[in-house]
Protein backbone atom coordinates (compact mmCIF):
# COMPACT_ATOMS: atom_id res chain seq x y z
CA MET A 1 168.53 75.04 97.12
CA ALA A 2 166.55 71.89 96.75
CA THR A 3 163.72 73.61 95.34
CA GLU A 4 165.62 75.64 92.98
CA LEU A 5 167.64 72.68 91.72
CA HIS A 6 164.10 70.74 91.16
CA GLU A 7 162.97 73.72 89.17
CA THR A 8 166.06 74.10 87.09
CA ILE A 9 165.95 70.49 86.03
CA PHE A 10 162.12 70.53 85.40
CA MET A 11 162.58 73.40 83.25
CA ALA A 12 165.27 71.76 81.37
CA LYS A 13 162.96 68.68 80.88
CA GLN A 14 160.09 70.84 79.62
CA GLU A 15 162.09 73.10 77.34
CA ARG A 16 164.38 70.23 76.00
CA HIS A 17 167.57 71.89 76.94
CA LYS A 18 170.86 70.78 75.41
CA ASN A 19 173.08 72.23 78.01
CA LEU A 20 172.45 71.98 81.96
CA PHE A 21 174.54 73.76 84.48
CA LEU A 22 174.79 72.35 88.01
CA ASN A 23 177.90 73.63 89.08
CA TYR A 24 178.52 74.84 93.04
CA LYS A 25 175.21 73.14 94.00
CA ASN A 26 176.65 71.27 97.10
CA LEU A 27 175.46 67.93 95.61
CA ASN A 28 176.45 64.80 97.49
CA ILE A 29 174.41 62.42 95.22
CA PHE A 30 173.67 62.56 91.71
CA PRO A 31 170.14 64.27 91.39
CA VAL A 32 167.37 61.77 91.26
CA GLU A 33 165.34 64.21 89.02
CA LEU A 34 167.79 63.81 86.33
CA LEU A 35 167.17 60.09 86.24
CA LYS A 36 163.27 59.84 86.69
CA ASP A 37 161.06 58.56 83.83
CA GLU A 38 162.82 58.85 80.46
CA GLY A 39 165.55 61.05 81.71
CA LEU A 40 166.74 63.97 79.66
CA GLN A 41 166.93 62.54 76.24
CA PHE A 42 167.93 65.82 74.47
CA LEU A 43 170.79 66.94 76.91
CA GLU A 44 174.15 67.17 75.23
CA ARG A 45 176.30 68.98 78.02
CA LEU A 46 176.08 68.41 81.61
CA TYR A 47 178.06 70.60 84.00
CA MET A 48 178.45 69.66 87.63
CA LYS A 49 181.83 71.17 88.81
CA ARG A 50 182.76 71.64 92.36
CA ASN A 51 180.00 69.71 94.04
CA SER A 52 180.70 66.65 96.63
CA LEU A 53 179.80 63.69 94.36
CA THR A 54 181.34 60.49 95.29
CA THR A 55 179.98 58.14 92.42
CA LEU A 56 177.84 58.25 89.24
CA PRO A 57 174.54 56.20 88.64
CA ASP A 58 174.83 52.99 86.74
CA ASN A 59 171.86 54.10 84.32
CA LEU A 60 173.49 57.44 83.47
CA ALA A 61 173.76 56.29 79.74
CA GLN A 62 170.23 55.17 79.81
CA LYS A 63 168.60 58.48 81.17
CA LEU A 64 171.12 60.86 79.22
CA PRO A 65 171.86 58.76 76.08
CA ASN A 66 173.14 61.73 73.99
CA LEU A 67 175.50 63.38 76.35
CA ILE A 68 178.40 64.71 74.43
CA GLU A 69 180.21 66.51 77.03
CA LEU A 70 180.48 65.74 80.86
CA TYR A 71 182.25 68.01 83.24
CA LEU A 72 182.77 66.58 86.86
CA HIS A 73 185.91 68.67 87.83
CA SER A 74 186.35 69.07 91.57
CA ASN A 75 184.18 66.64 93.39
CA ASN A 76 185.06 63.49 95.38
CA ILE A 77 184.38 60.88 93.03
CA VAL A 78 186.29 57.70 94.04
CA ILE A 79 185.07 55.21 91.31
CA ILE A 80 183.16 55.56 88.13
CA PRO A 81 180.91 52.63 87.13
CA GLU A 82 181.44 50.22 84.26
CA ALA A 83 178.32 51.64 82.67
CA ILE A 84 180.22 54.75 81.80
CA GLY A 85 181.19 52.80 78.52
CA ASN A 86 177.62 53.02 77.34
CA LEU A 87 177.78 56.65 76.83
CA ALA A 88 178.22 55.99 73.00
CA ARG A 89 178.16 59.66 71.92
CA LEU A 90 180.44 61.18 74.67
CA GLN A 91 183.24 63.45 73.39
CA SER A 92 184.53 65.15 76.53
CA LEU A 93 184.94 63.78 79.87
CA ASP A 94 186.50 65.83 82.89
CA LEU A 95 187.08 64.09 86.06
CA SER A 96 189.88 66.16 87.15
CA ASN A 97 190.49 67.14 91.03
CA ASN A 98 188.49 64.00 92.17
CA ALA A 99 189.72 60.90 94.35
CA LEU A 100 189.85 58.36 91.69
CA GLN A 101 192.18 55.45 92.51
CA LEU A 102 191.15 53.35 89.63
CA LEU A 103 189.96 53.70 86.02
CA CYS A 104 187.67 50.88 84.82
CA PRO A 105 188.60 49.10 81.43
CA GLU A 106 185.07 50.00 80.11
CA ILE A 107 186.55 53.58 79.51
CA GLY A 108 188.01 52.15 76.30
CA ARG A 109 184.32 51.67 74.81
CA LEU A 110 183.88 55.45 74.63
CA ARG A 111 184.74 55.38 70.87
CA SER A 112 183.66 58.90 70.24
CA LEU A 113 185.73 60.46 73.19
CA ARG A 114 188.09 63.18 72.17
CA HIS A 115 189.11 64.92 75.42
CA LEU A 116 189.76 63.10 78.70
CA ARG A 117 190.91 64.83 81.74
CA LEU A 118 192.02 63.13 84.77
CA SER A 119 194.51 65.20 86.42
CA ASN A 120 194.90 65.56 90.27
CA ASN A 121 193.57 62.20 91.07
CA GLN A 122 195.15 59.27 92.74
CA LEU A 123 195.62 56.90 89.88
CA LYS A 124 198.54 54.52 90.25
CA CYS A 125 197.80 52.86 86.65
CA LEU A 126 196.06 53.44 83.46
CA PRO A 127 193.90 50.55 81.79
CA PRO A 128 195.45 49.21 78.56
CA GLU A 129 192.02 49.86 76.94
CA LEU A 130 192.78 53.51 76.79
CA GLY A 131 194.47 52.57 73.56
CA ASP A 132 190.95 51.60 72.02
CA LEU A 133 190.27 55.38 71.96
CA ARG A 134 191.27 56.02 68.37
CA ASP A 135 189.67 59.47 68.42
CA LEU A 136 191.04 60.80 71.42
CA GLU A 137 192.88 64.17 71.13
CA THR A 138 193.78 65.32 74.62
CA LEU A 139 194.73 63.21 77.69
CA ASP A 140 195.68 64.83 80.99
CA VAL A 141 196.73 62.64 83.72
CA ALA A 142 199.04 65.08 85.60
CA MET A 143 199.43 65.08 89.24
CA ASN A 144 198.55 61.42 89.90
CA GLN A 145 201.00 58.42 91.06
CA LEU A 146 201.52 56.88 87.64
CA MET A 147 204.70 54.84 87.36
CA SER A 148 204.06 53.83 83.74
CA LEU A 149 202.05 54.45 80.83
CA PRO A 150 200.04 51.75 78.83
CA ASP A 151 202.16 50.24 76.20
CA ARG A 152 198.88 50.29 73.94
CA LEU A 153 198.81 54.25 74.05
CA HIS A 154 200.36 54.46 70.82
CA ARG A 155 197.09 53.34 69.32
CA CYS A 156 195.45 56.54 70.11
CA LEU A 157 196.14 57.66 66.77
CA SER A 158 194.57 60.91 66.82
CA LEU A 159 196.21 62.06 70.19
CA GLN A 160 197.52 65.54 69.98
CA ASN A 161 198.25 66.70 73.47
CA LEU A 162 199.50 64.34 76.37
CA THR A 163 200.17 65.78 79.70
CA VAL A 164 201.82 63.56 82.32
CA ASP A 165 203.33 66.20 84.67
CA HIS A 166 203.78 65.37 88.42
CA ASN A 167 203.73 61.42 88.33
CA LEU A 168 206.36 58.85 89.12
CA LEU A 169 207.41 57.81 85.68
CA SER A 170 210.82 56.44 85.40
CA HIS A 171 210.50 55.71 81.69
CA VAL A 172 208.63 56.31 78.57
CA PRO A 173 207.42 53.69 76.07
CA ARG A 174 209.07 54.32 72.74
CA GLN A 175 205.93 53.38 71.23
CA LEU A 176 204.91 56.96 72.02
CA CYS A 177 207.19 58.05 69.13
CA TRP A 178 204.66 56.53 66.66
CA LEU A 179 201.74 58.77 67.68
CA HIS A 180 202.48 60.91 64.46
CA ARG A 181 199.58 63.64 65.24
CA LEU A 182 201.11 64.38 68.88
CA ASN A 183 201.90 67.91 69.08
CA GLN A 184 202.67 68.63 72.54
CA LEU A 185 204.02 66.24 75.21
CA SER A 186 204.53 67.40 78.74
CA MET A 187 206.50 65.11 81.43
CA ALA A 188 207.71 67.47 83.77
CA ALA A 189 208.51 66.66 87.50
CA ASN A 190 208.72 62.67 87.13
CA ARG A 191 211.55 60.43 87.72
CA LEU A 192 212.80 60.12 84.11
CA ALA A 193 216.42 59.36 83.38
CA PHE A 194 216.13 58.50 79.72
CA LEU A 195 213.97 59.53 76.78
CA PRO A 196 213.13 57.32 73.71
CA LEU A 197 215.64 57.72 71.06
CA ASP A 198 213.10 58.65 68.43
CA LEU A 199 211.33 61.38 70.62
CA GLY A 200 210.97 64.37 68.53
CA ARG A 201 211.50 62.43 65.10
CA SER A 202 207.78 63.26 64.20
CA TRP A 203 207.34 66.59 62.57
CA GLU A 204 204.12 67.13 64.41
CA LEU A 205 205.81 66.92 67.60
CA GLN A 206 206.66 70.54 68.32
CA PHE A 207 206.45 70.99 71.96
CA VAL A 208 208.11 68.73 74.68
CA PHE A 209 208.42 69.75 78.23
CA VAL A 210 210.60 67.49 80.69
CA ASP A 211 211.42 69.95 83.30
CA ASN A 212 212.61 69.12 86.90
CA ASN A 213 213.40 65.45 85.85
CA VAL A 214 216.71 65.92 87.96
CA ASN A 215 218.19 62.56 86.75
CA LEU A 216 217.58 63.34 83.01
CA LYS A 217 220.93 64.15 81.52
CA GLY A 218 220.33 63.45 77.92
CA LEU A 219 217.86 64.76 75.25
CA PRO A 220 217.44 63.12 71.75
CA SER A 221 219.02 65.43 69.04
CA TYR A 222 215.67 65.39 67.38
CA LEU A 223 214.80 67.95 70.08
CA TYR A 224 217.07 70.64 69.08
CA ASN A 225 214.76 72.27 66.71
CA LYS A 226 211.54 71.89 68.92
CA VAL A 227 210.23 74.10 71.63
CA ILE A 228 211.45 72.38 74.88
CA GLY A 229 211.37 72.82 78.52
CA CYS A 230 214.30 71.17 80.56
CA SER A 231 214.82 73.47 83.47
CA GLY A 232 216.03 71.52 86.50
CA CYS A 233 217.20 68.53 84.49
CA GLY A 234 220.57 67.07 85.11
CA VAL A 235 221.44 69.60 88.10
CA SER A 236 222.31 66.77 90.52
CA SER A 237 225.70 66.44 88.67
CA TYR A 238 226.26 69.90 87.89
CA VAL A 239 229.76 70.30 87.06
CA LEU A 240 230.93 72.80 84.24
CA GLU A 241 233.73 71.04 82.89
CA ARG A 242 233.06 67.32 82.87
CA ASP A 243 234.96 64.61 80.89
CA MET A 244 232.84 64.11 77.83
CA GLY A 245 233.22 60.61 78.15
CA GLU A 246 231.59 60.57 81.71
CA ALA A 247 229.11 62.86 80.54
CA LEU A 248 227.84 60.51 77.63
CA ARG A 249 227.73 57.58 80.05
CA GLU A 250 225.59 59.49 82.34
CA ALA A 251 223.29 60.41 79.22
CA LEU A 252 222.96 56.85 78.39
CA VAL A 253 221.74 55.63 81.72
CA GLY A 254 218.50 53.88 80.95
CA LEU A 255 219.27 52.76 77.34
CA PRO A 256 216.75 50.09 76.17
CA ALA A 257 217.66 46.60 77.18
CA GLU A 258 217.72 45.45 73.59
CA VAL A 259 220.74 47.75 72.98
CA LYS A 260 223.74 45.21 73.43
CA VAL A 261 226.63 47.48 72.20
CA VAL A 262 227.65 51.14 72.35
CA GLY A 263 229.83 51.76 69.23
CA SER A 264 232.10 54.70 68.60
CA GLN A 265 234.09 56.10 65.85
CA ALA A 266 236.61 53.62 65.81
CA ASP A 267 234.27 50.75 64.95
CA SER A 268 234.25 50.33 61.46
CA VAL A 269 232.04 47.33 60.97
CA VAL A 270 228.45 46.95 62.20
CA PRO A 271 228.01 43.58 63.96
CA LEU A 272 226.51 40.81 62.16
CA GLU A 273 223.47 40.36 64.53
CA GLU A 274 222.37 44.15 63.99
CA LEU A 275 222.85 43.73 60.04
CA ALA A 276 220.59 40.73 60.18
CA MET A 277 218.13 42.68 62.16
CA ARG A 278 218.01 45.34 59.75
CA THR A 279 217.62 42.93 56.78
CA LEU A 280 214.82 41.40 58.27
CA HIS A 281 213.25 44.63 59.29
CA ARG A 282 213.37 45.56 55.62
CA LEU A 283 211.84 42.17 54.33
CA HIS A 284 209.33 42.44 57.12
CA HIS A 285 208.05 46.01 56.11
CA HIS A 286 208.83 45.91 52.43
CA ARG A 287 208.38 42.12 51.45
CA PRO A 288 209.07 42.00 47.70
CA ALA A 289 206.32 40.42 45.61
CA GLY A 290 206.43 36.75 45.35
CA LEU A 291 209.30 36.33 47.96
CA ASN A 292 208.49 33.16 50.02
CA LEU A 293 208.93 34.03 53.47
CA LEU A 294 207.58 32.66 56.89
CA PRO A 295 204.56 34.49 57.77
CA PRO A 296 205.01 37.25 60.54
CA ILE A 297 202.69 35.17 62.82
CA SER A 298 205.46 32.30 62.97
CA LEU A 299 208.14 34.83 64.35
CA PRO A 300 208.58 35.08 68.27
CA LYS A 301 206.70 37.84 69.91
CA SER A 302 209.61 39.46 71.19
CA LEU A 303 211.12 39.64 67.74
CA LEU A 304 208.10 40.76 66.23
CA ASP A 305 207.79 43.70 68.67
CA LEU A 306 211.33 44.71 68.00
CA LEU A 307 210.72 44.84 64.17
CA GLN A 308 207.56 46.86 64.53
CA PHE A 309 209.13 49.16 67.10
CA PRO A 310 212.89 49.49 66.66
CA VAL A 311 214.76 51.16 69.55
CA GLY A 312 215.20 54.00 67.33
CA HIS A 313 216.25 55.60 63.86
CA CYS A 314 219.58 56.95 63.05
CA HIS A 315 219.55 60.81 63.74
CA ARG A 316 221.47 61.33 60.44
CA CYS A 317 220.19 58.83 57.86
CA SER A 318 216.83 57.21 59.53
CA GLN A 319 218.15 53.76 59.39
CA ALA A 320 216.22 51.59 61.92
CA MET A 321 218.46 50.36 64.88
CA PHE A 322 217.89 47.42 66.99
CA THR A 323 220.92 46.06 69.16
CA ILE A 324 223.82 48.78 68.63
CA ILE A 325 223.72 52.59 68.71
CA TYR A 326 226.51 55.05 68.01
CA PRO A 327 226.10 58.15 70.26
CA LYS A 328 227.37 61.66 69.83
CA LEU A 329 227.18 64.09 72.79
CA PHE A 330 226.42 67.97 72.37
CA PRO A 331 226.30 69.79 75.63
CA LEU A 332 223.63 72.29 75.68
CA ARG A 333 225.76 74.81 77.11
CA ASP A 334 227.77 74.84 73.92
CA THR A 335 224.79 75.23 71.64
CA ALA A 336 222.77 78.16 70.36
CA LEU A 337 220.27 77.34 73.02
CA ALA A 338 222.61 78.04 75.92
CA GLY A 339 221.11 81.44 76.52
CA VAL A 340 217.57 80.21 76.54
CA HIS A 341 218.12 77.24 78.97
CA ARG A 342 220.07 78.41 82.03
CA ARG A 343 219.18 76.10 84.75
CA THR A 344 220.08 72.85 83.26
CA THR A 345 223.09 70.78 82.48
CA VAL A 346 221.69 68.51 79.83
CA SER A 347 223.10 67.52 76.49
CA PHE A 348 221.63 66.55 73.14
CA VAL A 349 222.49 63.09 72.07
CA ALA A 350 222.45 61.98 68.46
CA TYR A 351 222.04 58.20 67.99
CA CYS A 352 223.40 57.01 64.85
CA CYS A 353 223.61 53.73 62.94
CA SER A 354 227.28 53.53 62.08
CA SER A 355 230.67 55.17 62.71
CA HIS A 356 230.13 56.90 59.24
CA CYS A 357 226.97 58.74 60.30
CA LEU A 358 228.43 59.37 63.85
CA ARG A 359 231.47 61.29 62.32
CA THR A 360 229.36 63.24 59.70
CA PHE A 361 226.30 64.15 61.88
CA ASP A 362 225.61 67.83 62.32
CA LEU A 363 223.41 69.14 65.13
CA GLN A 364 222.58 72.09 63.29
CA GLY A 365 222.50 70.77 59.83
């Protein structure tokens, strides 16, 4: 096996191969032949799946500077070196099915990275620096031990596919709703009890899978016209004829802390605090020319964050909402989707900005 490996690498060097396949080679350490002398300067794709590697060399970027794709699926890698950030041209990195417990912050220096696969590891958190990957299109972190997602993930402006199945997520940062290129979001088999009010507002987001989140009782009404998976949701309180008020209260468990009031059709006046926030939001985002306002930097950070990322937008008129919502419940079993989604008791929830929008909202309109 060693002789065959040596010959394979020697031939790759001699003929300046761009692709090198070292899958199923029973490798315990990274082959030193790849790192000798000047390395493989022309190599662009390295396949080392299903070996027994436990780490990567610190000089990987120095010896393989032109790597575009690196496939390390199904090894025993526990940690990757900080020097991984020096692979300036890397576009695809597959570390699925390893033993990673930690992801170094330097991963955020891979500015050319488009596909990152980390499923089936032992990760308990992700570094905030992931948000620096502006070209990232695919992120797969399924089957880990994640309890949260980085708040800065919304900076991955090119992200199209996000898979977080089989983790320990109890909430989803509402900033994810600002990923306007996101097309598929999969969060099945977590501990979710609530979804962001704006989830599905983006036209690009067409596929949302939240199956087997047993405590999840409500889906934002934006998802009604999307392809959704919600089997196994809400089954912990399966009652065919529940009181609508009780069902609504269950669906609202986990509301953002900023929401201070849950309005109803009987509330004809929007609270002054909410009106003030909406006015400030309009001024903050659409400041009239010549208007003398305090610069945004002078506002408290908590207020700035809320102005930048409201708790949601009215599902009827798109008005930003901050401290009050007017929810309206539509049990899925009473909609046209009842025949498609049988093993679930979730409801769609329309979040409106006023009693007027609440009364006039139409789920199918």
